[in-house]
Amino acid sequence: LESVDFWNLVGRAGRLMKEFQGNIFLIDYDNWRKKPLEQPRVHYGCA
């Protein structure tokens, strides 16, 4: 998954008017082929 898609997905955890806060569980992150936490969040403003 590309970084921009990753951040699009994680933005679904804890959205305003639904949940006050959300939890994101990155399971087995050390073995992910791409590390989205180490890449930029923005890609020219939108996916």
All heavy atoms as atom14 arrays in JSON, in Angstrom:
{
  "sequence": "LESVDFWNLVGRAGRLMKEFQGNIFLIDYDNWRKKPLEQPRVHYGCA",
  "atom14_mask": [
    [1, 1, 1, 1, 1, 1, 1, 1, 0, 0, 0, 0, 0, 0],
    [1, 1, 1, 1, 1, 1, 1, 1, 1, 0, 0, 0, 0, 0],
    [1, 1, 1, 1, 1, 1, 0, 0, 0, 0, 0, 0, 0, 0],
    [1, 1, 1, 1, 1, 1, 1, 0, 0, 0, 0, 0, 0, 0],
    [1, 1, 1, 1, 1, 1, 1, 1, 0, 0, 0, 0, 0, 0],
    [1, 1, 1, 1, 1, 1, 1, 1, 1, 1, 1, 0, 0, 0],
    [1, 1, 1, 1, 1, 1, 1, 1, 1, 1, 1, 1, 1, 1],
    [1, 1, 1, 1, 1, 1, 1, 1, 0, 0, 0, 0, 0, 0],
    [1, 1, 1, 1, 1, 1, 1, 1, 0, 0, 0, 0, 0, 0],
    [1, 1, 1, 1, 1, 1, 1, 0, 0, 0, 0, 0, 0, 0],
    [1, 1, 1, 1, 0, 0, 0, 0, 0, 0, 0, 0, 0, 0],
    [1, 1, 1, 1, 1, 1, 1, 1, 1, 1, 1, 0, 0, 0],
    [1, 1, 1, 1, 1, 0, 0, 0, 0, 0, 0, 0, 0, 0],
    [1, 1, 1, 1, 0, 0, 0, 0, 0, 0, 0, 0, 0, 0],
    [1, 1, 1, 1, 1, 1, 1, 1, 1, 1, 1, 0, 0, 0],
    [1, 1, 1, 1, 1, 1, 1, 1, 0, 0, 0, 0, 0, 0],
    [1, 1, 1, 1, 1, 1, 1, 1, 0, 0, 0, 0, 0, 0],
    [1, 1, 1, 1, 1, 1, 1, 1, 1, 0, 0, 0, 0, 0],
    [1, 1, 1, 1, 1, 1, 1, 1, 1, 0, 0, 0, 0, 0],
    [1, 1, 1, 1, 1, 1, 1, 1, 1, 1, 1, 0, 0, 0],
    [1, 1, 1, 1, 1, 1, 1, 1, 1, 0, 0, 0, 0, 0],
    [1, 1, 1, 1, 0, 0, 0, 0, 0, 0, 0, 0, 0, 0],
    [1, 1, 1, 1, 1, 1, 1, 1, 0, 0, 0, 0, 0, 0],
    [1, 1, 1, 1, 1, 1, 1, 1, 0, 0, 0, 0, 0, 0],
    [1, 1, 1, 1, 1, 1, 1, 1, 1, 1, 1, 0, 0, 0],
    [1, 1, 1, 1, 1, 1, 1, 1, 0, 0, 0, 0, 0, 0],
    [1, 1, 1, 1, 1, 1, 1, 1, 0, 0, 0, 0, 0, 0],
    [1, 1, 1, 1, 1, 1, 1, 1, 0, 0, 0, 0, 0, 0],
    [1, 1, 1, 1, 1, 1, 1, 1, 1, 1, 1, 1, 0, 0],
    [1, 1, 1, 1, 1, 1, 1, 1, 0, 0, 0, 0, 0, 0],
    [1, 1, 1, 1, 1, 1, 1, 1, 0, 0, 0, 0, 0, 0],
    [1, 1, 1, 1, 1, 1, 1, 1, 1, 1, 1, 1, 1, 1],
    [1, 1, 1, 1, 1, 1, 1, 1, 1, 1, 1, 0, 0, 0],
    [1, 1, 1, 1, 1, 1, 1, 1, 1, 0, 0, 0, 0, 0],
    [1, 1, 1, 1, 1, 1, 1, 1, 1, 0, 0, 0, 0, 0],
    [1, 1, 1, 1, 1, 1, 1, 0, 0, 0, 0, 0, 0, 0],
    [1, 1, 1, 1, 1, 1, 1, 1, 0, 0, 0, 0, 0, 0],
    [1, 1, 1, 1, 1, 1, 1, 1, 1, 0, 0, 0, 0, 0],
    [1, 1, 1, 1, 1, 1, 1, 1, 1, 0, 0, 0, 0, 0],
    [1, 1, 1, 1, 1, 1, 1, 0, 0, 0, 0, 0, 0, 0],
    [1, 1, 1, 1, 1, 1, 1, 1, 1, 1, 1, 0, 0, 0],
    [1, 1, 1, 1, 1, 1, 1, 0, 0, 0, 0, 0, 0, 0],
    [1, 1, 1, 1, 1, 1, 1, 1, 1, 1, 0, 0, 0, 0],
    [1, 1, 1, 1, 1, 1, 1, 1, 1, 1, 1, 1, 0, 0],
    [1, 1, 1, 1, 0, 0, 0, 0, 0, 0, 0, 0, 0, 0],
    [1, 1, 1, 1, 1, 1, 0, 0, 0, 0, 0, 0, 0, 0],
    [1, 1, 1, 1, 1, 0, 0, 0, 0, 0, 0, 0, 0, 0]
  ],
  "atom14_positions": [
    [[0.84, -1.19, 0.0], [0.0, 0.0, 0.0], [0.88, 1.25, 0.0], [1.84, 1.35, 0.76], [-0.87, -0.02, 1.26], [-2.16, 0.76, 1.26], [-3.1, 0.24, 0.17], [-2.84, 0.65, 2.61], [0.0, 0.0, 0.0], [0.0, 0.0, 0.0], [0.0, 0.0, 0.0], [0.0, 0.0, 0.0], [0.0, 0.0, 0.0], [0.0, 0.0, 0.0]],
    [[0.58, 2.18, -0.87], [1.32, 3.44, -0.94], [1.03, 4.27, 0.31], [-0.03, 4.16, 0.92], [0.93, 4.23, -2.19], [1.36, 3.58, -3.49], [2.88, 3.5, -3.62], [3.59, 4.42, -3.16], [3.35, 2.5, -4.19], [0.0, 0.0, 0.0], [0.0, 0.0, 0.0], [0.0, 0.0, 0.0], [0.0, 0.0, 0.0], [0.0, 0.0, 0.0]],
    [[1.94, 5.15, 0.62], [1.82, 6.0, 1.81], [0.51, 6.8, 1.8], [-0.19, 6.88, 2.79], [3.02, 6.94, 1.9], [2.9, 7.79, 3.0], [0.0, 0.0, 0.0], [0.0, 0.0, 0.0], [0.0, 0.0, 0.0], [0.0, 0.0, 0.0], [0.0, 0.0, 0.0], [0.0, 0.0, 0.0], [0.0, 0.0, 0.0], [0.0, 0.0, 0.0]],
    [[0.17, 7.39, 0.66], [-1.04, 8.21, 0.58], [-2.29, 7.37, 0.84], [-3.22, 7.82, 1.51], [-1.12, 8.96, -0.78], [-1.37, 8.02, -1.93], [-2.17, 10.05, -0.72], [0.0, 0.0, 0.0], [0.0, 0.0, 0.0], [0.0, 0.0, 0.0], [0.0, 0.0, 0.0], [0.0, 0.0, 0.0], [0.0, 0.0, 0.0], [0.0, 0.0, 0.0]],
    [[-2.33, 6.13, 0.38], [-3.47, 5.25, 0.64], [-3.5, 4.83, 2.1], [-4.57, 4.71, 2.71], [-3.41, 4.02, -0.27], [-3.64, 4.38, -1.73], [-4.38, 5.35, -1.99], [-3.08, 3.7, -2.6], [0.0, 0.0, 0.0], [0.0, 0.0, 0.0], [0.0, 0.0, 0.0], [0.0, 0.0, 0.0], [0.0, 0.0, 0.0], [0.0, 0.0, 0.0]],
    [[-2.32, 4.58, 2.65], [-2.24, 4.24, 4.07], [-2.85, 5.35, 4.92], [-3.68, 5.1, 5.79], [-0.77, 4.0, 4.47], [-0.56, 3.89, 5.95], [-0.78, 2.69, 6.61], [-0.15, 4.99, 6.69], [-0.6, 2.59, 7.98], [0.04, 4.9, 8.06], [-0.18, 3.69, 8.71], [0.0, 0.0, 0.0], [0.0, 0.0, 0.0], [0.0, 0.0, 0.0]],
    [[-2.44, 6.6, 4.65], [-2.94, 7.71, 5.46], [-4.43, 7.94, 5.22], [-5.15, 8.36, 6.13], [-2.12, 8.97, 5.21], [-0.75, 8.84, 5.79], [0.43, 8.7, 5.12], [-0.41, 8.77, 7.19], [1.48, 8.54, 6.01], [0.99, 8.6, 7.29], [-1.16, 8.84, 8.36], [1.65, 8.5, 8.51], [-0.48, 8.74, 9.57], [0.89, 8.58, 9.64]],
    [[-4.91, 7.66, 4.03], [-6.35, 7.74, 3.75], [-7.09, 6.73, 4.64], [-8.1, 7.05, 5.25], [-6.6, 7.46, 2.27], [-8.06, 7.6, 1.88], [-8.96, 7.53, 2.7], [-8.29, 7.77, 0.6], [0.0, 0.0, 0.0], [0.0, 0.0, 0.0], [0.0, 0.0, 0.0], [0.0, 0.0, 0.0], [0.0, 0.0, 0.0], [0.0, 0.0, 0.0]],
    [[-6.58, 5.52, 4.71], [-7.2, 4.48, 5.54], [-7.18, 4.84, 7.02], [-8.2, 4.74, 7.7], [-6.48, 3.14, 5.36], [-6.96, 2.24, 4.24], [-6.07, 1.01, 4.14], [-8.4, 1.83, 4.45], [0.0, 0.0, 0.0], [0.0, 0.0, 0.0], [0.0, 0.0, 0.0], [0.0, 0.0, 0.0], [0.0, 0.0, 0.0], [0.0, 0.0, 0.0]],
    [[-6.02, 5.22, 7.53], [-5.93, 5.47, 8.97], [-6.75, 6.68, 9.37], [-7.14, 6.8, 10.54], [-4.46, 5.58, 9.47], [-3.71, 4.31, 9.2], [-3.76, 6.77, 8.91], [0.0, 0.0, 0.0], [0.0, 0.0, 0.0], [0.0, 0.0, 0.0], [0.0, 0.0, 0.0], [0.0, 0.0, 0.0], [0.0, 0.0, 0.0], [0.0, 0.0, 0.0]],
    [[-7.07, 7.54, 8.42], [-7.94, 8.68, 8.72], [-9.35, 8.27, 9.07], [-10.16, 9.09, 9.52], [0.0, 0.0, 0.0], [0.0, 0.0, 0.0], [0.0, 0.0, 0.0], [0.0, 0.0, 0.0], [0.0, 0.0, 0.0], [0.0, 0.0, 0.0], [0.0, 0.0, 0.0], [0.0, 0.0, 0.0], [0.0, 0.0, 0.0], [0.0, 0.0, 0.0]],
    [[-9.69, 7.02, 8.89], [-11.03, 6.54, 9.2], [-11.2, 6.15, 10.66], [-12.29, 5.85, 11.1], [-11.37, 5.36, 8.3], [-11.44, 5.8, 6.86], [-11.57, 4.67, 5.88], [-11.4, 5.17, 4.55], [-12.29, 5.91, 3.89], [-13.41, 6.23, 4.46], [-12.04, 6.32, 2.67], [0.0, 0.0, 0.0], [0.0, 0.0, 0.0], [0.0, 0.0, 0.0]],
    [[-10.11, 6.11, 11.39], [-10.17, 5.75, 12.81], [-10.45, 7.01, 13.63], [-9.66, 7.95, 13.62], [-8.86, 5.11, 13.25], [0.0, 0.0, 0.0], [0.0, 0.0, 0.0], [0.0, 0.0, 0.0], [0.0, 0.0, 0.0], [0.0, 0.0, 0.0], [0.0, 0.0, 0.0], [0.0, 0.0, 0.0], [0.0, 0.0, 0.0], [0.0, 0.0, 0.0]],
    [[-11.58, 7.01, 14.31], [-11.91, 8.1, 15.21], [-12.29, 9.4, 14.55], [-11.77, 10.45, 14.89], [0.0, 0.0, 0.0], [0.0, 0.0, 0.0], [0.0, 0.0, 0.0], [0.0, 0.0, 0.0], [0.0, 0.0, 0.0], [0.0, 0.0, 0.0], [0.0, 0.0, 0.0], [0.0, 0.0, 0.0], [0.0, 0.0, 0.0], [0.0, 0.0, 0.0]],
    [[-13.19, 9.37, 13.61], [-13.61, 10.61, 12.94], [-14.57, 11.42, 13.81], [-15.35, 10.88, 14.57], [-14.32, 10.27, 11.62], [-13.35, 9.79, 10.58], [-14.03, 9.73, 9.26], [-13.06, 9.47, 8.22], [-13.38, 9.32, 6.96], [-14.63, 9.4, 6.58], [-12.46, 9.09, 6.07], [0.0, 0.0, 0.0], [0.0, 0.0, 0.0], [0.0, 0.0, 0.0]],
    [[-14.49, 12.74, 13.63], [-15.33, 13.66, 14.37], [-16.81, 13.3, 14.16], [-17.21, 12.92, 13.08], [-15.06, 15.08, 13.86], [-15.71, 16.22, 14.65], [-15.18, 16.25, 16.07], [-15.41, 17.54, 13.96], [0.0, 0.0, 0.0], [0.0, 0.0, 0.0], [0.0, 0.0, 0.0], [0.0, 0.0, 0.0], [0.0, 0.0, 0.0], [0.0, 0.0, 0.0]],
    [[-17.58, 13.42, 15.19], [-19.02, 13.14, 15.21], [-19.32, 11.65, 15.27], [-20.47, 11.27, 15.38], [-19.75, 13.77, 14.01], [-19.53, 15.26, 13.85], [-20.02, 16.24, 15.27], [-21.78, 16.13, 15.15], [0.0, 0.0, 0.0], [0.0, 0.0, 0.0], [0.0, 0.0, 0.0], [0.0, 0.0, 0.0], [0.0, 0.0, 0.0], [0.0, 0.0, 0.0]],
    [[-18.32, 10.8, 15.2], [-18.54, 9.36, 15.31], [-17.86, 8.84, 16.57], [-18.47, 8.24, 17.41], [-17.99, 8.61, 14.09], [-18.74, 8.89, 12.81], [-20.04, 8.15, 12.81], [-20.75, 8.33, 11.49], [-21.98, 7.62, 11.42], [0.0, 0.0, 0.0], [0.0, 0.0, 0.0], [0.0, 0.0, 0.0], [0.0, 0.0, 0.0], [0.0, 0.0, 0.0]],
    [[-16.57, 9.06, 16.66], [-15.75, 8.62, 17.78], [-14.88, 9.8, 18.19], [-14.38, 10.53, 17.35], [-14.83, 7.45, 17.37], [-15.55, 6.23, 16.84], [-16.21, 5.41, 17.93], [-15.95, 5.67, 19.12], [-16.98, 4.51, 17.6], [0.0, 0.0, 0.0], [0.0, 0.0, 0.0], [0.0, 0.0, 0.0], [0.0, 0.0, 0.0], [0.0, 0.0, 0.0]],
    [[-14.67, 9.97, 19.48], [-13.83, 11.07, 19.94], [-12.37, 10.85, 19.54], [-11.67, 11.76, 19.16], [-13.95, 11.24, 21.45], [-13.14, 12.38, 21.99], [-13.48, 13.69, 21.68], [-12.03, 12.14, 22.77], [-12.71, 14.75, 22.16], [-11.26, 13.19, 23.25], [-11.61, 14.5, 22.96], [0.0, 0.0, 0.0], [0.0, 0.0, 0.0], [0.0, 0.0, 0.0]],
    [[-11.93, 9.62, 19.62], [-10.58, 9.27, 19.19], [-10.61, 7.87, 18.61], [-11.54, 7.11, 18.84], [-9.58, 9.37, 20.33], [-9.77, 8.31, 21.4], [-8.8, 8.47, 22.54], [-8.65, 9.56, 23.07], [-8.16, 7.4, 22.94], [0.0, 0.0, 0.0], [0.0, 0.0, 0.0], [0.0, 0.0, 0.0], [0.0, 0.0, 0.0], [0.0, 0.0, 0.0]],
    [[-9.59, 7.55, 17.84], [-9.52, 6.23, 17.23], [-8.2, 5.55, 17.53], [-7.24, 6.19, 17.97], [0.0, 0.0, 0.0], [0.0, 0.0, 0.0], [0.0, 0.0, 0.0], [0.0, 0.0, 0.0], [0.0, 0.0, 0.0], [0.0, 0.0, 0.0], [0.0, 0.0, 0.0], [0.0, 0.0, 0.0], [0.0, 0.0, 0.0], [0.0, 0.0, 0.0]],
    [[-8.18, 4.27, 17.31], [-6.99, 3.46, 17.53], [-6.59, 2.8, 16.23], [-7.44, 2.24, 15.53], [-7.26, 2.38, 18.59], [-7.74, 2.97, 19.89], [-7.08, 3.81, 20.47], [-8.91, 2.54, 20.33], [0.0, 0.0, 0.0], [0.0, 0.0, 0.0], [0.0, 0.0, 0.0], [0.0, 0.0, 0.0], [0.0, 0.0, 0.0], [0.0, 0.0, 0.0]],
    [[-5.31, 2.85, 15.93], [-4.78, 2.23, 14.72], [-3.77, 1.18, 15.15], [-2.8, 1.51, 15.84], [-4.12, 3.28, 13.81], [-5.15, 4.36, 13.45], [-3.53, 2.64, 12.57], [-4.54, 5.66, 13.03], [0.0, 0.0, 0.0], [0.0, 0.0, 0.0], [0.0, 0.0, 0.0], [0.0, 0.0, 0.0], [0.0, 0.0, 0.0], [0.0, 0.0, 0.0]],
    [[-4.01, -0.06, 14.76], [-3.13, -1.16, 15.13], [-2.36, -1.62, 13.9], [-2.96, -2.14, 12.96], [-3.95, -2.31, 15.73], [-4.69, -1.91, 16.98], [-6.0, -1.47, 16.92], [-4.06, -1.96, 18.22], [-6.68, -1.09, 18.07], [-4.73, -1.57, 19.37], [-6.05, -1.14, 19.3], [0.0, 0.0, 0.0], [0.0, 0.0, 0.0], [0.0, 0.0, 0.0]],
    [[-1.06, -1.39, 13.91], [-0.18, -1.79, 12.81], [0.47, -3.12, 13.22], [1.48, -3.14, 13.92], [0.87, -0.72, 12.54], [0.33, 0.69, 12.32], [1.47, 1.66, 12.08], [-0.67, 0.73, 11.19], [0.0, 0.0, 0.0], [0.0, 0.0, 0.0], [0.0, 0.0, 0.0], [0.0, 0.0, 0.0], [0.0, 0.0, 0.0], [0.0, 0.0, 0.0]],
    [[-0.12, -4.19, 12.78], [0.3, -5.53, 13.2], [1.51, -5.98, 12.38], [1.5, -5.88, 11.15], [-0.88, -6.51, 13.04], [-2.07, -6.0, 13.87], [-0.48, -7.92, 13.45], [-3.4, -6.6, 13.51], [0.0, 0.0, 0.0], [0.0, 0.0, 0.0], [0.0, 0.0, 0.0], [0.0, 0.0, 0.0], [0.0, 0.0, 0.0], [0.0, 0.0, 0.0]],
    [[2.54, -6.46, 13.07], [3.75, -6.97, 12.44], [4.44, -5.9, 11.6], [5.0, -6.18, 10.55], [3.4, -8.21, 11.61], [4.59, -9.08, 11.29], [5.59, -9.02, 12.03], [4.55, -9.8, 10.28], [0.0, 0.0, 0.0], [0.0, 0.0, 0.0], [0.0, 0.0, 0.0], [0.0, 0.0, 0.0], [0.0, 0.0, 0.0], [0.0, 0.0, 0.0]],
    [[4.43, -4.65, 12.06], [4.95, -3.52, 11.29], [6.41, -3.7, 10.88], [6.82, -3.28, 9.79], [4.77, -2.22, 12.07], [5.15, -0.99, 11.28], [4.3, -0.5, 10.29], [6.35, -0.34, 11.49], [4.65, 0.63, 9.56], [6.71, 0.78, 10.76], [5.85, 1.26, 9.79], [6.19, 2.36, 9.05], [0.0, 0.0, 0.0], [0.0, 0.0, 0.0]],
    [[7.22, -4.31, 11.71], [8.63, -4.51, 11.37], [8.81, -5.31, 10.09], [9.84, -5.19, 9.42], [9.38, -5.2, 12.51], [9.56, -4.28, 13.71], [9.46, -3.05, 13.54], [9.77, -4.8, 14.82], [0.0, 0.0, 0.0], [0.0, 0.0, 0.0], [0.0, 0.0, 0.0], [0.0, 0.0, 0.0], [0.0, 0.0, 0.0], [0.0, 0.0, 0.0]],
    [[7.84, -6.1, 9.72], [7.93, -6.94, 8.52], [7.17, -6.39, 7.32], [7.02, -7.07, 6.31], [7.48, -8.36, 8.83], [8.44, -9.06, 9.76], [9.66, -8.98, 9.59], [7.91, -9.72, 10.77], [0.0, 0.0, 0.0], [0.0, 0.0, 0.0], [0.0, 0.0, 0.0], [0.0, 0.0, 0.0], [0.0, 0.0, 0.0], [0.0, 0.0, 0.0]],
    [[6.66, -5.16, 7.4], [5.98, -4.54, 6.26], [7.03, -4.2, 5.22], [8.12, -3.71, 5.55], [5.25, -3.28, 6.68], [4.02, -3.49, 7.51], [3.72, -4.56, 8.28], [2.95, -2.56, 7.67], [2.52, -4.36, 8.91], [2.03, -3.14, 8.56], [2.71, -1.29, 7.16], [0.86, -2.51, 8.94], [1.54, -0.66, 7.54], [0.62, -1.26, 8.41]],
    [[6.72, -4.44, 3.95], [7.66, -4.12, 2.87], [7.85, -2.62, 2.71], [8.93, -2.14, 2.42], [7.19, -4.74, 1.56], [7.42, -6.25, 1.57], [6.89, -6.97, 0.36], [7.18, -6.33, -0.9], [6.44, -6.52, -1.99], [5.41, -7.33, -1.95], [6.75, -5.92, -3.11], [0.0, 0.0, 0.0], [0.0, 0.0, 0.0], [0.0, 0.0, 0.0]],
    [[6.77, -1.85, 2.87], [6.85, -0.38, 2.85], [6.49, 0.1, 4.25], [5.58, -0.42, 4.87], [5.88, 0.21, 1.84], [6.42, 0.24, 0.45], [5.66, 1.22, -0.4], [6.35, 1.36, -1.73], [5.67, 2.29, -2.58], [0.0, 0.0, 0.0], [0.0, 0.0, 0.0], [0.0, 0.0, 0.0], [0.0, 0.0, 0.0], [0.0, 0.0, 0.0]],
    [[7.18, 1.1, 4.69], [6.97, 1.66, 6.03], [6.33, 3.05, 5.89], [7.03, 4.05, 5.83], [8.3, 1.77, 6.77], [9.11, 0.51, 6.82], [8.66, -0.37, 7.94], [9.7, -1.41, 8.26], [9.33, -2.73, 7.95], [0.0, 0.0, 0.0], [0.0, 0.0, 0.0], [0.0, 0.0, 0.0], [0.0, 0.0, 0.0], [0.0, 0.0, 0.0]],
    [[5.01, 3.13, 5.87], [4.35, 4.41, 5.64], [4.6, 5.45, 6.73], [4.52, 6.64, 6.47], [2.87, 4.06, 5.55], [2.74, 2.71, 6.15], [4.06, 2.03, 6.0], [0.0, 0.0, 0.0], [0.0, 0.0, 0.0], [0.0, 0.0, 0.0], [0.0, 0.0, 0.0], [0.0, 0.0, 0.0], [0.0, 0.0, 0.0], [0.0, 0.0, 0.0]],
    [[4.93, 5.02, 7.91], [5.22, 5.98, 8.98], [6.52, 6.74, 8.72], [6.75, 7.78, 9.3], [5.29, 5.28, 10.34], [4.01, 4.62, 10.82], [4.25, 3.95, 12.17], [2.86, 5.6, 10.9], [0.0, 0.0, 0.0], [0.0, 0.0, 0.0], [0.0, 0.0, 0.0], [0.0, 0.0, 0.0], [0.0, 0.0, 0.0], [0.0, 0.0, 0.0]],
    [[7.34, 6.19, 7.84], [8.62, 6.81, 7.52], [8.56, 7.57, 6.19], [9.59, 8.02, 5.69], [9.7, 5.73, 7.47], [9.87, 5.03, 8.8], [10.6, 3.71, 8.71], [11.25, 3.44, 7.68], [10.5, 2.94, 9.67], [0.0, 0.0, 0.0], [0.0, 0.0, 0.0], [0.0, 0.0, 0.0], [0.0, 0.0, 0.0], [0.0, 0.0, 0.0]],
    [[7.38, 7.68, 5.6], [7.21, 8.36, 4.32], [6.33, 9.6, 4.51], [5.62, 9.7, 5.49], [6.57, 7.41, 3.3], [7.42, 6.2, 3.02], [6.67, 5.19, 2.16], [5.52, 5.37, 1.82], [7.35, 4.11, 1.83], [0.0, 0.0, 0.0], [0.0, 0.0, 0.0], [0.0, 0.0, 0.0], [0.0, 0.0, 0.0], [0.0, 0.0, 0.0]],
    [[6.36, 10.53, 3.55], [5.53, 11.73, 3.68], [4.05, 11.4, 3.69], [3.61, 10.44, 3.06], [5.87, 12.55, 2.43], [6.93, 11.83, 1.71], [7.14, 10.5, 2.35], [0.0, 0.0, 0.0], [0.0, 0.0, 0.0], [0.0, 0.0, 0.0], [0.0, 0.0, 0.0], [0.0, 0.0, 0.0], [0.0, 0.0, 0.0], [0.0, 0.0, 0.0]],
    [[3.3, 12.2, 4.42], [1.85, 12.01, 4.51], [1.11, 12.68, 3.36], [0.02, 12.3, 3.02], [1.31, 12.58, 5.81], [1.69, 11.77, 7.0], [1.16, 12.39, 8.25], [-0.27, 12.32, 8.3], [-0.98, 12.54, 9.38], [-0.38, 12.89, 10.49], [-2.29, 12.47, 9.37], [0.0, 0.0, 0.0], [0.0, 0.0, 0.0], [0.0, 0.0, 0.0]],
    [[1.69, 13.71, 2.79], [0.99, 14.51, 1.78], [1.55, 14.19, 0.4], [2.75, 14.07, 0.22], [1.15, 16.02, 2.08], [0.47, 16.85, 1.02], [0.61, 16.33, 3.44], [0.0, 0.0, 0.0], [0.0, 0.0, 0.0], [0.0, 0.0, 0.0], [0.0, 0.0, 0.0], [0.0, 0.0, 0.0], [0.0, 0.0, 0.0], [0.0, 0.0, 0.0]],
    [[0.66, 14.08, -0.55], [1.06, 13.82, -1.93], [0.33, 14.82, -2.8], [-0.73, 14.52, -3.34], [0.69, 12.39, -2.31], [1.36, 11.9, -3.54], [1.05, 12.36, -4.78], [2.34, 10.99, -3.72], [1.78, 11.74, -5.68], [2.57, 10.91, -5.06], [0.0, 0.0, 0.0], [0.0, 0.0, 0.0], [0.0, 0.0, 0.0], [0.0, 0.0, 0.0]],
    [[0.85, 16.03, -2.9], [0.24, 17.12, -3.66], [-1.19, 17.4, -3.24], [-2.06, 17.63, -4.05], [0.32, 16.87, -5.16], [1.72, 16.76, -5.66], [2.15, 15.61, -6.28], [2.62, 17.79, -5.47], [3.45, 15.5, -6.73], [3.92, 17.69, -5.9], [4.32, 16.55, -6.53], [5.59, 16.44, -6.96], [0.0, 0.0, 0.0], [0.0, 0.0, 0.0]],
    [[-1.46, 17.29, -1.96], [-2.74, 17.74, -1.43], [-3.82, 16.69, -1.33], [-4.67, 16.8, -0.49], [0.0, 0.0, 0.0], [0.0, 0.0, 0.0], [0.0, 0.0, 0.0], [0.0, 0.0, 0.0], [0.0, 0.0, 0.0], [0.0, 0.0, 0.0], [0.0, 0.0, 0.0], [0.0, 0.0, 0.0], [0.0, 0.0, 0.0], [0.0, 0.0, 0.0]],
    [[-3.84, 15.66, -2.17], [-4.89, 14.66, -2.06], [-4.54, 13.41, -2.85], [-3.71, 13.44, -3.74], [-6.24, 15.21, -2.53], [-6.35, 15.43, -4.3], [0.0, 0.0, 0.0], [0.0, 0.0, 0.0], [0.0, 0.0, 0.0], [0.0, 0.0, 0.0], [0.0, 0.0, 0.0], [0.0, 0.0, 0.0], [0.0, 0.0, 0.0], [0.0, 0.0, 0.0]],
    [[-5.21, 12.32, -2.49], [-4.94, 11.04, -3.15], [-5.32, 11.09, -4.63], [-4.77, 10.37, -5.44], [-5.7, 9.92, -2.45], [0.0, 0.0, 0.0], [0.0, 0.0, 0.0], [0.0, 0.0, 0.0], [0.0, 0.0, 0.0], [0.0, 0.0, 0.0], [0.0, 0.0, 0.0], [0.0, 0.0, 0.0], [0.0, 0.0, 0.0], [0.0, 0.0, 0.0]]
  ]
}
